[in-house]
Amino acid sequence: MTALWVDASSGASGDMLLGALVGAGVPLDVVQRAVDAVSPEPVSLRVEPVTRNGFAATRVHVDVADSAHHRAWRDVRTLLLESALSDDVRDLALRVFERLAAAEGAVHGHDPLDVHFHEVGALDAIADVVGVCAGFAHLGATEVVVSPVAVGSGSVRGAHGVLPVPPPAVAELLRGVPSYAGPGQGELCTPTGAALLTTLATSYGPQPPMTTRSVGTGAGGRDPESHANVLRLLVAEAVGADERLVVLETNVDDLDPRVWPEVITNVLAAGAKDAWLTPILMKKGRPAHTFRALVAAGDADEVRRTIFRETSTIGIRSYPVERAALPRETTSVTVDGIEIPVKLSLLDGVVVTAQPEYDDVVRAAHALGRPVREVLARAQAAASAAQDAGHR
């Protein structure tokens, strides 16, 4: 299985990630095709070998023409939805932009849909986000581990005047994520870099056991004397198939049962990989539930805080576990003209399960005016037929 380790000890930005991906072997035309599929105006990518404080690195320039357009998140969202991107790249890009817009909206008090990406900056953001998502999808990694993120220190001048480092949007994006000041002064992690890392990461920490195949070193535009302004990407084979996770659990006997579905939804949104309830009987015959959440170690603090906020518990236990998970891919089937994503699980390279995404089934059923059970049955039948025919 392919695993990636992102060394963000000198910070992160969209162009640094693009450079690291190309340096690690992702063909530039893979990235350029994805950008062309979305951008409403010409955008070209140009590779330049550079040196940053003794590090040979790759810089990817995003060349754009002058633009007279201001684009809000709602406009960029439409561009992505109407593009010819593959489903996996589109889904990643939507999640990154949504995360970025939500953070900017939260810190500036705006509706996320109305957050603007200013003129040429909108094209830069589209190229950085879509290009990085296409590069990560090309590598097909099942595990992306990100080091603690260096954010910088001091202050930076932005569109809203002088801001402290990390800027408000970066601090918002890195909630629950290991971060620190890092080397040198100034802004080391940009909002785009933070949004990409927090969307792509499956866990956070030092380099895991892995057999490295290639290393990409991506450079930013700045070249300070204090440190090498680079981000490293290690592309490797994971050593061992078991994933190290943490289970958080607590017994609750005084919470209105109607609240539990919302608790599970919020815990999953906080980063849990799974969450579930088990009915139990406590002392003096009191009925209760044991609530459990399965999380990566780097997400445990945020998920724990969410459980405390959303439930009446006053104590949470935790213990480490290992999980062996099958590699996953995404394809799609069509029901009466509406595309429905299907999650595939593979064993030794062979598809063993093909399951339509339920939320997309519901969306399709509403659009078609059909019962959900009928659309689900047809999507499952189409997925099974594709699986039997050997389609991946």
Protein backbone atom coordinates (compact mmCIF):
# COMPACT_ATOMS: atom_id res chain seq x y z
CA MET A 1 0.00 0.00 0.00
CA THR A 2 1.22 3.49 -0.85
CA ALA A 3 1.77 5.77 2.14
CA LEU A 4 2.82 9.41 2.20
CA TRP A 5 4.59 11.42 4.86
CA VAL A 6 4.41 15.21 4.59
CA ASP A 7 7.19 17.04 6.39
CA ALA A 8 5.68 20.45 7.14
CA SER A 9 8.40 21.46 9.61
CA SER A 10 9.07 24.58 7.52
CA GLY A 11 5.42 25.32 6.86
CA ALA A 12 3.09 24.63 3.95
CA SER A 13 1.50 26.43 1.02
CA GLY A 14 -0.23 25.40 -2.17
CA ASP A 15 2.84 26.00 -4.35
CA MET A 16 5.11 24.15 -1.93
CA LEU A 17 2.81 21.12 -2.10
CA LEU A 18 2.65 21.33 -5.90
CA GLY A 19 6.44 21.42 -6.09
CA ALA A 20 6.80 18.47 -3.72
CA LEU A 21 4.34 16.39 -5.76
CA VAL A 22 6.10 17.10 -9.07
CA GLY A 23 9.47 16.52 -7.43
CA ALA A 24 8.24 13.16 -6.12
CA GLY A 25 7.34 12.03 -9.64
CA VAL A 26 3.79 13.20 -10.37
CA PRO A 27 3.78 14.17 -14.08
CA LEU A 28 3.17 17.89 -14.60
CA ASP A 29 0.59 17.15 -17.32
CA VAL A 30 -1.55 15.28 -14.74
CA VAL A 31 -1.72 18.46 -12.70
CA GLN A 32 -2.13 20.76 -15.73
CA ARG A 33 -5.05 18.73 -17.14
CA ALA A 34 -6.89 18.94 -13.84
CA VAL A 35 -6.36 22.71 -13.63
CA ASP A 36 -7.50 23.15 -17.25
CA ALA A 37 -10.68 21.19 -16.48
CA VAL A 38 -11.75 23.77 -13.89
CA SER A 39 -10.18 27.14 -14.57
CA PRO A 40 -12.43 29.51 -16.55
CA GLU A 41 -9.37 31.44 -17.77
CA PRO A 42 -5.93 30.32 -19.03
CA VAL A 43 -3.60 29.08 -16.32
CA SER A 44 -0.23 27.52 -17.07
CA LEU A 45 2.11 25.68 -14.74
CA ARG A 46 5.86 26.05 -15.04
CA VAL A 47 8.54 24.02 -13.22
CA GLU A 48 11.77 25.59 -12.01
CA PRO A 49 14.62 23.83 -10.16
CA VAL A 50 15.69 26.05 -7.25
CA THR A 51 17.86 25.94 -4.14
CA ARG A 52 16.61 26.91 -0.71
CA ASN A 53 19.30 27.25 1.95
CA GLY A 54 21.25 24.28 0.60
CA PHE A 55 18.21 22.20 -0.39
CA ALA A 56 17.70 21.39 -4.07
CA ALA A 57 13.98 21.80 -4.57
CA THR A 58 11.22 22.06 -7.16
CA ARG A 59 9.16 25.21 -7.55
CA VAL A 60 5.95 25.19 -9.59
CA HIS A 61 4.96 28.63 -10.86
CA VAL A 62 1.28 29.31 -11.54
CA ASP A 63 1.17 31.77 -14.45
CA VAL A 64 -2.15 33.58 -14.90
CA ALA A 65 -3.31 36.52 -16.97
CA ASP A 66 -4.88 39.61 -15.45
CA SER A 67 -8.47 38.91 -14.43
CA ALA A 68 -11.39 41.26 -13.89
CA HIS A 69 -13.45 38.72 -11.94
CA HIS A 70 -14.08 38.41 -8.23
CA ARG A 71 -15.17 34.88 -7.32
CA ALA A 72 -16.88 33.75 -4.16
CA TRP A 73 -16.88 30.19 -2.85
CA ARG A 74 -20.32 29.67 -4.42
CA ASP A 75 -18.79 30.52 -7.84
CA VAL A 76 -15.78 28.25 -7.39
CA ARG A 77 -18.10 25.48 -6.19
CA THR A 78 -20.11 25.75 -9.42
CA LEU A 79 -16.91 25.59 -11.49
CA LEU A 80 -15.87 22.41 -9.70
CA LEU A 81 -19.29 20.75 -9.96
CA GLU A 82 -19.56 21.50 -13.68
CA SER A 83 -15.98 20.49 -14.49
CA ALA A 84 -14.78 17.31 -16.18
CA LEU A 85 -12.63 16.35 -13.19
CA SER A 86 -12.63 12.75 -12.02
CA ASP A 87 -14.88 12.11 -9.04
CA ASP A 88 -12.05 11.60 -6.55
CA VAL A 89 -10.26 14.82 -7.50
CA ARG A 90 -13.51 16.83 -7.55
CA ASP A 91 -14.52 15.50 -4.12
CA LEU A 92 -11.15 16.38 -2.60
CA ALA A 93 -11.13 19.86 -4.13
CA LEU A 94 -14.68 20.57 -2.95
CA ARG A 95 -13.76 19.52 0.58
CA VAL A 96 -10.63 21.69 0.60
CA PHE A 97 -12.41 24.81 -0.68
CA GLU A 98 -15.35 24.22 1.64
CA ARG A 99 -12.98 23.95 4.61
CA LEU A 100 -11.11 27.08 3.51
CA ALA A 101 -14.30 29.11 2.98
CA ALA A 102 -15.77 27.96 6.31
CA ALA A 103 -12.63 29.07 8.16
CA GLU A 104 -12.44 32.44 6.40
CA GLY A 105 -16.15 32.98 6.98
CA ALA A 106 -15.86 32.11 10.67
CA VAL A 107 -13.01 34.50 11.41
CA HIS A 108 -14.45 37.40 9.37
CA GLY A 109 -18.11 36.88 10.25
CA HIS A 110 -19.25 36.13 6.69
CA ASP A 111 -21.43 33.44 5.15
CA PRO A 112 -18.92 30.87 3.79
CA LEU A 113 -20.67 30.88 0.41
CA ASP A 114 -19.93 34.60 0.11
CA VAL A 115 -16.22 34.38 0.95
CA HIS A 116 -14.33 35.91 -1.98
CA PHE A 117 -11.09 34.76 -3.57
CA HIS A 118 -9.79 38.06 -4.95
CA GLU A 119 -9.27 38.39 -8.72
CA VAL A 120 -6.05 36.67 -9.85
CA GLY A 121 -5.81 35.07 -6.42
CA ALA A 122 -8.91 33.07 -7.26
CA LEU A 123 -7.14 31.48 -10.23
CA ASP A 124 -4.05 30.83 -8.09
CA ALA A 125 -6.20 29.16 -5.44
CA ILE A 126 -8.00 27.03 -8.03
CA ALA A 127 -4.70 25.92 -9.56
CA ASP A 128 -3.09 25.17 -6.19
CA VAL A 129 -6.03 23.27 -4.73
CA VAL A 130 -7.10 21.34 -7.83
CA GLY A 131 -3.49 20.63 -8.84
CA VAL A 132 -2.54 19.29 -5.40
CA CYS A 133 -5.70 17.17 -5.21
CA ALA A 134 -4.98 15.71 -8.67
CA GLY A 135 -1.41 14.93 -7.61
CA PHE A 136 -2.45 13.16 -4.42
CA ALA A 137 -5.13 11.21 -6.30
CA HIS A 138 -2.51 10.17 -8.88
CA LEU A 139 -0.32 8.73 -6.13
CA GLY A 140 -3.27 6.72 -4.79
CA ALA A 141 -2.08 6.72 -1.19
CA THR A 142 -4.19 4.98 1.45
CA GLU A 143 -2.33 6.72 4.30
CA VAL A 144 -1.23 10.36 4.50
CA VAL A 145 0.66 11.26 7.67
CA VAL A 146 1.44 14.94 8.25
CA SER A 147 4.11 16.14 10.67
CA PRO A 148 3.32 18.86 13.20
CA VAL A 149 2.84 21.99 11.10
CA ALA A 150 5.17 24.98 11.45
CA VAL A 151 3.06 28.15 11.31
CA GLY A 152 5.64 30.90 11.90
CA SER A 153 5.66 33.82 14.30
CA GLY A 154 5.47 37.60 14.38
CA SER A 155 3.03 39.36 12.08
CA VAL A 156 2.07 39.54 8.43
CA ARG A 157 0.36 42.17 6.31
CA GLY A 158 -2.76 40.99 4.48
CA ALA A 159 -5.88 42.39 2.85
CA HIS A 160 -7.26 43.22 6.31
CA GLY A 161 -4.10 44.99 7.53
CA VAL A 162 -1.41 43.65 9.87
CA LEU A 163 -2.35 40.28 11.33
CA PRO A 164 -0.66 38.11 13.98
CA VAL A 165 0.96 34.83 12.92
CA PRO A 166 -0.61 32.37 12.60
CA PRO A 167 -3.30 34.43 10.83
CA PRO A 168 -6.85 33.87 12.11
CA ALA A 169 -7.88 31.60 9.22
CA VAL A 170 -4.82 29.37 9.68
CA ALA A 171 -5.43 29.11 13.43
CA GLU A 172 -9.04 28.16 12.71
CA LEU A 173 -8.07 25.54 10.11
CA LEU A 174 -5.50 23.95 12.43
CA ARG A 175 -7.88 23.43 15.35
CA GLY A 176 -7.10 19.98 16.77
CA VAL A 177 -3.97 19.64 14.60
CA PRO A 178 -0.41 19.54 16.05
CA SER A 179 1.35 22.81 15.17
CA TYR A 180 4.15 25.03 16.47
CA ALA A 181 5.98 28.24 15.59
CA GLY A 182 8.83 26.60 13.69
CA PRO A 183 11.95 28.28 12.29
CA GLY A 184 12.34 31.94 11.41
CA GLN A 185 9.90 34.82 11.44
CA GLY A 186 6.78 35.54 9.42
CA GLU A 187 4.01 33.38 7.98
CA LEU A 188 5.11 29.81 7.25
CA CYS A 189 1.73 28.16 6.70
CA THR A 190 -0.85 29.79 4.43
CA PRO A 191 -4.62 29.26 4.66
CA THR A 192 -4.54 27.27 1.41
CA GLY A 193 -1.71 25.10 2.73
CA ALA A 194 -3.55 24.50 6.00
CA ALA A 195 -6.80 23.64 4.22
CA LEU A 196 -5.03 21.15 1.94
CA LEU A 197 -3.10 19.44 4.75
CA THR A 198 -6.09 19.08 7.06
CA THR A 199 -8.25 17.66 4.26
CA LEU A 200 -5.67 15.21 2.94
CA ALA A 201 -4.23 13.97 6.25
CA THR A 202 -5.34 10.63 7.66
CA SER A 203 -3.20 11.17 10.77
CA TYR A 204 -0.49 13.43 12.23
CA GLY A 205 2.91 12.66 13.64
CA PRO A 206 6.50 11.74 12.85
CA GLN A 207 7.45 9.60 9.89
CA PRO A 208 5.80 6.18 10.30
CA PRO A 209 7.50 2.87 9.42
CA MET A 210 7.75 2.95 5.63
CA THR A 211 9.98 1.98 2.72
CA THR A 212 10.56 5.22 0.80
CA ARG A 213 10.34 5.09 -3.01
CA SER A 214 10.72 8.76 -3.87
CA VAL A 215 11.18 12.13 -2.18
CA GLY A 216 9.80 15.42 -3.43
CA THR A 217 11.01 18.75 -2.07
CA GLY A 218 8.73 21.66 -2.89
CA ALA A 219 9.85 25.28 -2.62
CA GLY A 220 7.84 28.38 -1.87
CA GLY A 221 8.53 31.82 -3.27
CA ARG A 222 10.36 33.07 -0.19
CA ASP A 223 14.04 32.25 0.43
CA PRO A 224 14.85 33.37 4.01
CA GLU A 225 18.31 33.06 5.49
CA SER A 226 17.00 31.42 8.67
CA HIS A 227 15.91 28.11 7.15
CA ALA A 228 15.16 26.16 3.98
CA ASN A 229 11.67 27.25 2.94
CA VAL A 230 10.66 23.83 1.64
CA LEU A 231 8.10 21.09 2.20
CA ARG A 232 9.14 17.46 1.79
CA LEU A 233 6.94 14.63 0.60
CA LEU A 234 8.00 11.00 1.06
CA VAL A 235 6.22 8.47 -1.15
CA ALA A 236 6.58 4.97 0.23
CA GLU A 237 5.29 1.49 0.80
CA ALA A 238 3.72 1.19 4.24
CA VAL A 239 5.46 -1.34 6.50
CA GLY A 240 2.69 -3.44 7.97
CA ALA A 241 -0.99 -3.17 7.11
CA ASP A 242 -2.31 -2.40 10.57
CA GLU A 243 -3.37 1.15 11.33
CA ARG A 244 -2.69 2.43 14.85
CA LEU A 245 -5.80 4.10 16.25
CA VAL A 246 -7.35 5.07 19.57
CA VAL A 247 -10.77 4.16 20.99
CA LEU A 248 -12.48 6.76 23.17
CA GLU A 249 -15.34 5.40 25.26
CA THR A 250 -17.69 6.48 27.99
CA ASN A 251 -20.83 5.20 29.75
CA VAL A 252 -23.80 7.58 29.75
CA ASP A 253 -27.07 7.00 31.62
CA ASP A 254 -28.63 10.47 31.78
CA LEU A 255 -28.83 11.72 28.18
CA ASP A 256 -32.07 11.99 26.19
CA PRO A 257 -31.77 9.18 23.59
CA ARG A 258 -33.05 11.52 20.87
CA VAL A 259 -29.76 13.43 21.08
CA TRP A 260 -27.53 10.47 20.15
CA PRO A 261 -27.81 10.75 16.33
CA GLU A 262 -26.61 14.37 16.52
CA VAL A 263 -23.79 13.35 18.87
CA ILE A 264 -22.57 10.76 16.38
CA THR A 265 -22.79 13.24 13.50
CA ASN A 266 -20.76 15.86 15.36
CA VAL A 267 -18.14 13.37 16.56
CA LEU A 268 -17.61 12.15 13.01
CA ALA A 269 -17.34 15.75 11.81
CA ALA A 270 -14.66 16.34 14.47
CA GLY A 271 -12.49 13.66 12.86
CA ALA A 272 -13.58 10.28 14.22
CA LYS A 273 -13.30 7.42 11.75
CA ASP A 274 -16.31 5.67 13.29
CA ALA A 275 -18.68 6.08 16.25
CA TRP A 276 -21.28 3.76 17.74
CA LEU A 277 -23.52 3.00 20.74
CA THR A 278 -23.97 -0.18 22.79
CA PRO A 279 -26.92 -0.55 25.21
CA ILE A 280 -25.76 -1.61 28.70
CA LEU A 281 -27.21 -2.13 32.17
CA MET A 282 -25.48 -0.24 34.97
CA LYS A 283 -25.63 -0.50 38.76
CA LYS A 284 -29.05 -0.47 40.38
CA GLY A 285 -30.53 -1.67 37.09
CA ARG A 286 -30.15 1.66 35.31
CA PRO A 287 -30.30 1.41 31.48
CA ALA A 288 -27.47 3.26 29.78
CA HIS A 289 -25.29 3.36 26.67
CA THR A 290 -21.58 2.94 26.07
CA PHE A 291 -20.50 5.43 23.43
CA ARG A 292 -17.31 4.69 21.49
CA ALA A 293 -15.39 6.63 18.87
CA LEU A 294 -12.53 5.28 16.76
CA VAL A 295 -9.98 8.00 16.00
CA ALA A 296 -6.47 8.60 14.76
CA ALA A 297 -4.17 9.68 17.58
CA GLY A 298 -3.82 13.17 16.12
CA ASP A 299 -7.60 13.69 16.18
CA ALA A 300 -8.21 12.32 19.67
CA ASP A 301 -8.11 15.65 21.52
CA GLU A 302 -10.66 17.34 19.27
CA VAL A 303 -12.98 14.32 19.28
CA ARG A 304 -12.68 14.07 23.09
CA ARG A 305 -13.65 17.75 23.41
CA THR A 306 -16.62 17.17 21.13
CA ILE A 307 -17.85 14.24 23.24
CA PHE A 308 -17.62 16.36 26.39
CA ARG A 309 -19.54 19.20 24.69
CA GLU A 310 -22.25 17.06 23.12
CA THR A 311 -22.97 14.57 25.91
CA SER A 312 -23.46 14.65 29.67
CA THR A 313 -20.39 12.54 30.45
CA ILE A 314 -17.74 13.76 32.87
CA GLY A 315 -15.10 11.13 32.04
CA ILE A 316 -13.75 9.44 28.91
CA ARG A 317 -11.53 6.36 28.75
CA SER A 318 -9.06 5.74 25.92
CA TYR A 319 -6.97 2.83 24.75
CA PRO A 320 -4.89 2.05 21.64
CA VAL A 321 -6.04 -0.44 19.00
CA GLU A 322 -4.80 -1.65 15.63
CA ARG A 323 -7.04 -1.86 12.58
CA ALA A 324 -6.39 -3.77 9.36
CA ALA A 325 -8.33 -1.97 6.64
CA LEU A 326 -8.79 -2.88 3.00
CA PRO A 327 -7.60 -0.37 0.38
CA ARG A 328 -10.46 1.66 -1.08
CA GLU A 329 -11.22 3.23 -4.42
CA THR A 330 -14.15 5.22 -5.71
CA THR A 331 -16.06 4.72 -8.94
CA SER A 332 -19.64 5.57 -9.91
CA VAL A 333 -22.80 4.12 -11.43
CA THR A 334 -25.69 5.89 -13.14
CA VAL A 335 -29.35 5.59 -12.21
CA ASP A 336 -31.70 7.30 -14.69
CA GLY A 337 -29.01 9.76 -15.69
CA ILE A 338 -27.85 10.65 -12.17
CA GLU A 339 -24.33 9.65 -11.16
CA ILE A 340 -23.94 7.94 -7.78
CA PRO A 341 -20.46 7.39 -6.28
CA VAL A 342 -19.63 3.81 -5.27
CA LYS A 343 -16.98 2.87 -2.71
CA LEU A 344 -14.90 -0.17 -3.68
CA SER A 345 -12.88 -2.30 -1.24
CA LEU A 346 -10.01 -4.39 -2.59
CA LEU A 347 -8.35 -7.55 -1.32
CA ASP A 348 -5.09 -8.45 -3.07
CA GLY A 349 -6.05 -6.08 -5.87
CA VAL A 350 -9.48 -7.68 -6.41
CA VAL A 351 -12.73 -5.83 -5.68
CA VAL A 352 -14.59 -7.65 -2.88
CA THR A 353 -17.26 -5.07 -2.03
CA ALA A 354 -18.97 -2.33 -4.01
CA GLN A 355 -21.22 -0.09 -1.93
CA PRO A 356 -23.07 3.01 -3.19
CA GLU A 357 -22.66 6.12 -1.04
CA TYR A 358 -25.96 6.39 0.85
CA ASP A 359 -26.12 10.19 1.02
CA ASP A 360 -25.74 10.35 -2.77
CA VAL A 361 -28.45 7.71 -3.15
CA VAL A 362 -30.79 9.91 -1.10
CA ARG A 363 -29.87 12.94 -3.21
CA ALA A 364 -30.58 10.99 -6.42
CA ALA A 365 -33.88 9.67 -5.07
CA HIS A 366 -35.06 13.19 -4.25
CA ALA A 367 -34.01 14.43 -7.68
CA LEU A 368 -35.83 11.58 -9.41
CA GLY A 369 -38.90 11.66 -7.17
CA ARG A 370 -38.40 7.96 -6.40
CA PRO A 371 -38.33 6.05 -3.09
CA VAL A 372 -34.87 5.82 -1.58
CA ARG A 373 -35.13 2.02 -1.28
CA GLU A 374 -35.79 1.73 -5.02
CA VAL A 375 -32.84 3.92 -6.03
CA LEU A 376 -30.60 2.14 -3.51
CA ALA A 377 -31.56 -1.27 -4.93
CA ARG A 378 -30.85 -0.14 -8.48
CA ALA A 379 -27.52 1.44 -7.51
CA GLN A 380 -26.50 -1.73 -5.67
CA ALA A 381 -27.48 -3.86 -8.66
CA ALA A 382 -25.47 -1.65 -11.03
CA ALA A 383 -22.48 -1.72 -8.67
CA SER A 384 -22.67 -5.52 -8.40
CA ALA A 385 -22.88 -5.86 -12.18
CA ALA A 386 -19.81 -3.67 -12.60
CA GLN A 387 -17.99 -5.69 -9.95
CA ASP A 388 -18.87 -8.99 -11.66
CA ALA A 389 -17.71 -7.61 -15.00
CA GLY A 390 -14.36 -6.72 -13.46
CA HIS A 391 -14.78 -2.94 -13.79
CA ARG A 392 -12.72 -0.93 -11.32
